Amino acid sequence: MVVEFPPGATALIPSSVILHSNTKVQDGEGRMSFTQYAAGGLFRWVDNSFRTAEQFKMDDPRGKQRADEAASERWQHGLGLFPTVERLEERIRGHNM
């Protein structure tokens, strides 16, 4: 699938979940992008009340279990926010009418 973004568009891509790449540009064309990255470990550190998973589990086993369950649900919810290929195709067909 190829998704063409208009100039100035912002795309948020969970790169550990979705395989992605850029296409080549033709001679004389240019492309600029700005990429940001945040390590998943930083988010886990915050979710674990600013401690390692091992320390959190030792300090508060029930809290660690609740945090793990919430993280699993949050991950599934986050993925559900992305459109499916079918939904993208519907939108494309709707714009070409």
C-alpha atoms as a PDB file:
ATOM      1  CA  MET A   1       0.000   0.000   0.000  1.00  0.00           C
ATOM      2  CA  VAL A   2       1.201   3.489  -0.786  1.00  0.00           C
ATOM      3  CA  VAL A   3      -0.081   6.425   1.239  1.00  0.00           C
ATOM      4  CA  GLU A   4       0.698   9.828  -0.218  1.00  0.00           C
ATOM      5  CA  PHE A   5       0.756  12.571   2.376  1.00  0.00           C
ATOM      6  CA  PRO A   6       0.084  16.140   1.317  1.00  0.00           C
ATOM      7  CA  PRO A   7       2.713  18.802   2.014  1.00  0.00           C
ATOM      8  CA  GLY A   8       2.802  19.744   5.683  1.00  0.00           C
ATOM      9  CA  ALA A   9       1.046  16.561   6.817  1.00  0.00           C
ATOM     10  CA  THR A  10       1.847  14.861  10.090  1.00  0.00           C
ATOM     11  CA  ALA A  11       1.907  11.082  10.322  1.00  0.00           C
ATOM     12  CA  LEU A  12       2.224   9.225  13.603  1.00  0.00           C
ATOM     13  CA  ILE A  13       3.508   5.724  12.951  1.00  0.00           C
ATOM     14  CA  PRO A  14       4.179   3.198  15.697  1.00  0.00           C
ATOM     15  CA  SER A  15       7.278   1.912  13.942  1.00  0.00           C
ATOM     16  CA  SER A  16       7.606  -1.183  16.102  1.00  0.00           C
ATOM     17  CA  VAL A  17       4.157  -2.352  14.989  1.00  0.00           C
ATOM     18  CA  ILE A  18       3.819  -1.257  11.360  1.00  0.00           C
ATOM     19  CA  LEU A  19       6.382  -2.016   8.662  1.00  0.00           C
ATOM     20  CA  HIS A  20       6.983   1.204   6.742  1.00  0.00           C
ATOM     21  CA  SER A  21       9.411   2.858   4.368  1.00  0.00           C
ATOM     22  CA  ASN A  22       9.793   5.762   1.956  1.00  0.00           C
ATOM     23  CA  THR A  23       9.659   5.579  -1.804  1.00  0.00           C
ATOM     24  CA  LYS A  24      12.434   6.985  -3.943  1.00  0.00           C
ATOM     25  CA  VAL A  25      12.003  10.427  -5.438  1.00  0.00           C
ATOM     26  CA  GLN A  26      12.804  11.199  -9.039  1.00  0.00           C
ATOM     27  CA  ASP A  27      15.841  13.174 -10.135  1.00  0.00           C
ATOM     28  CA  GLY A  28      15.196  16.849  -9.527  1.00  0.00           C
ATOM     29  CA  GLU A  29      12.604  16.173  -6.805  1.00  0.00           C
ATOM     30  CA  GLY A  30      13.191  16.662  -3.123  1.00  0.00           C
ATOM     31  CA  ARG A  31      11.730  15.417   0.100  1.00  0.00           C
ATOM     32  CA  MET A  32      12.137  16.709   3.616  1.00  0.00           C
ATOM     33  CA  SER A  33      10.916  15.096   6.781  1.00  0.00           C
ATOM     34  CA  PHE A  34      11.247  15.532  10.487  1.00  0.00           C
ATOM     35  CA  THR A  35      11.394  12.347  12.524  1.00  0.00           C
ATOM     36  CA  GLN A  36      10.971  12.015  16.255  1.00  0.00           C
ATOM     37  CA  TYR A  37      11.502   8.930  18.348  1.00  0.00           C
ATOM     38  CA  ALA A  38      10.596   7.973  21.888  1.00  0.00           C
ATOM     39  CA  ALA A  39      11.869   4.738  23.400  1.00  0.00           C
ATOM     40  CA  GLY A  40       9.163   2.484  24.796  1.00  0.00           C
ATOM     41  CA  GLY A  41      11.257   2.027  27.922  1.00  0.00           C
ATOM     42  CA  LEU A  42      10.626   5.665  28.858  1.00  0.00           C
ATOM     43  CA  PHE A  43       6.876   5.099  28.843  1.00  0.00           C
ATOM     44  CA  ARG A  44       7.227   1.885  30.862  1.00  0.00           C
ATOM     45  CA  TRP A  45       9.414   3.737  33.399  1.00  0.00           C
ATOM     46  CA  VAL A  46       6.613   6.277  33.922  1.00  0.00           C
ATOM     47  CA  ASP A  47       3.924   3.553  34.021  1.00  0.00           C
ATOM     48  CA  ASN A  48       6.004   1.763  36.674  1.00  0.00           C
ATOM     49  CA  SER A  49       6.009   4.869  38.887  1.00  0.00           C
ATOM     50  CA  PHE A  50       9.570   5.777  37.854  1.00  0.00           C
ATOM     51  CA  ARG A  51      11.220   2.471  38.647  1.00  0.00           C
ATOM     52  CA  THR A  52      12.186  -0.696  36.837  1.00  0.00           C
ATOM     53  CA  ALA A  53       9.573  -3.355  36.219  1.00  0.00           C
ATOM     54  CA  GLU A  54      11.421  -5.666  38.590  1.00  0.00           C
ATOM     55  CA  GLN A  55      11.491  -3.070  41.370  1.00  0.00           C
ATOM     56  CA  PHE A  56       7.818  -2.213  40.834  1.00  0.00           C
ATOM     57  CA  LYS A  57       6.894  -5.912  41.062  1.00  0.00           C
ATOM     58  CA  MET A  58       8.895  -6.314  44.275  1.00  0.00           C
ATOM     59  CA  ASP A  59       7.480  -3.125  45.826  1.00  0.00           C
ATOM     60  CA  ASP A  60       3.869  -3.537  44.734  1.00  0.00           C
ATOM     61  CA  PRO A  61       2.963  -6.838  43.030  1.00  0.00           C
ATOM     62  CA  ARG A  62      -0.739  -5.957  42.728  1.00  0.00           C
ATOM     63  CA  GLY A  63       0.039  -2.508  41.371  1.00  0.00           C
ATOM     64  CA  LYS A  64       2.411  -4.038  38.820  1.00  0.00           C
ATOM     65  CA  GLN A  65      -0.262  -6.497  37.717  1.00  0.00           C
ATOM     66  CA  ARG A  66      -2.823  -3.692  37.311  1.00  0.00           C
ATOM     67  CA  ALA A  67      -0.314  -1.590  35.359  1.00  0.00           C
ATOM     68  CA  ASP A  68       0.450  -4.528  33.042  1.00  0.00           C
ATOM     69  CA  GLU A  69      -3.260  -5.132  32.416  1.00  0.00           C
ATOM     70  CA  ALA A  70      -3.865  -1.433  31.720  1.00  0.00           C
ATOM     71  CA  ALA A  71      -0.895  -1.331  29.328  1.00  0.00           C
ATOM     72  CA  SER A  72      -2.258  -4.293  27.384  1.00  0.00           C
ATOM     73  CA  GLU A  73      -5.658  -2.649  27.036  1.00  0.00           C
ATOM     74  CA  ARG A  74      -4.087   0.695  26.106  1.00  0.00           C
ATOM     75  CA  TRP A  75      -1.987  -0.960  23.393  1.00  0.00           C
ATOM     76  CA  GLN A  76      -5.048  -2.640  21.870  1.00  0.00           C
ATOM     77  CA  HIS A  77      -7.017   0.607  22.043  1.00  0.00           C
ATOM     78  CA  GLY A  78      -4.181   2.508  20.371  1.00  0.00           C
ATOM     79  CA  LEU A  79      -3.988   0.057  17.489  1.00  0.00           C
ATOM     80  CA  GLY A  80      -7.751   0.282  17.087  1.00  0.00           C
ATOM     81  CA  LEU A  81      -7.417   4.005  16.363  1.00  0.00           C
ATOM     82  CA  PHE A  82      -5.589   3.281  13.113  1.00  0.00           C
ATOM     83  CA  PRO A  83      -7.807   2.817  10.062  1.00  0.00           C
ATOM     84  CA  THR A  84      -7.933  -0.528   8.334  1.00  0.00           C
ATOM     85  CA  VAL A  85      -6.890  -0.958   4.720  1.00  0.00           C
ATOM     86  CA  GLU A  86     -10.559  -1.415   3.857  1.00  0.00           C
ATOM     87  CA  ARG A  87     -11.497   1.878   5.535  1.00  0.00           C
ATOM     88  CA  LEU A  88      -8.702   3.732   3.713  1.00  0.00           C
ATOM     89  CA  GLU A  89      -9.868   2.281   0.398  1.00  0.00           C
ATOM     90  CA  GLU A  90     -13.439   3.409   1.154  1.00  0.00           C
ATOM     91  CA  ARG A  91     -12.207   6.939   1.836  1.00  0.00           C
ATOM     92  CA  ILE A  92     -10.213   6.964  -1.396  1.00  0.00           C
ATOM     93  CA  ARG A  93     -13.228   5.763  -3.400  1.00  0.00           C
ATOM     94  CA  GLY A  94     -15.381   8.424  -1.717  1.00  0.00           C
ATOM     95  CA  HIS A  95     -12.977  11.212  -2.715  1.00  0.00           C
ATOM     96  CA  ASN A  96     -12.757  10.016  -6.328  1.00  0.00           C
ATOM     97  CA  MET A  97     -16.500  10.270  -6.950  1.00  0.00           C
END
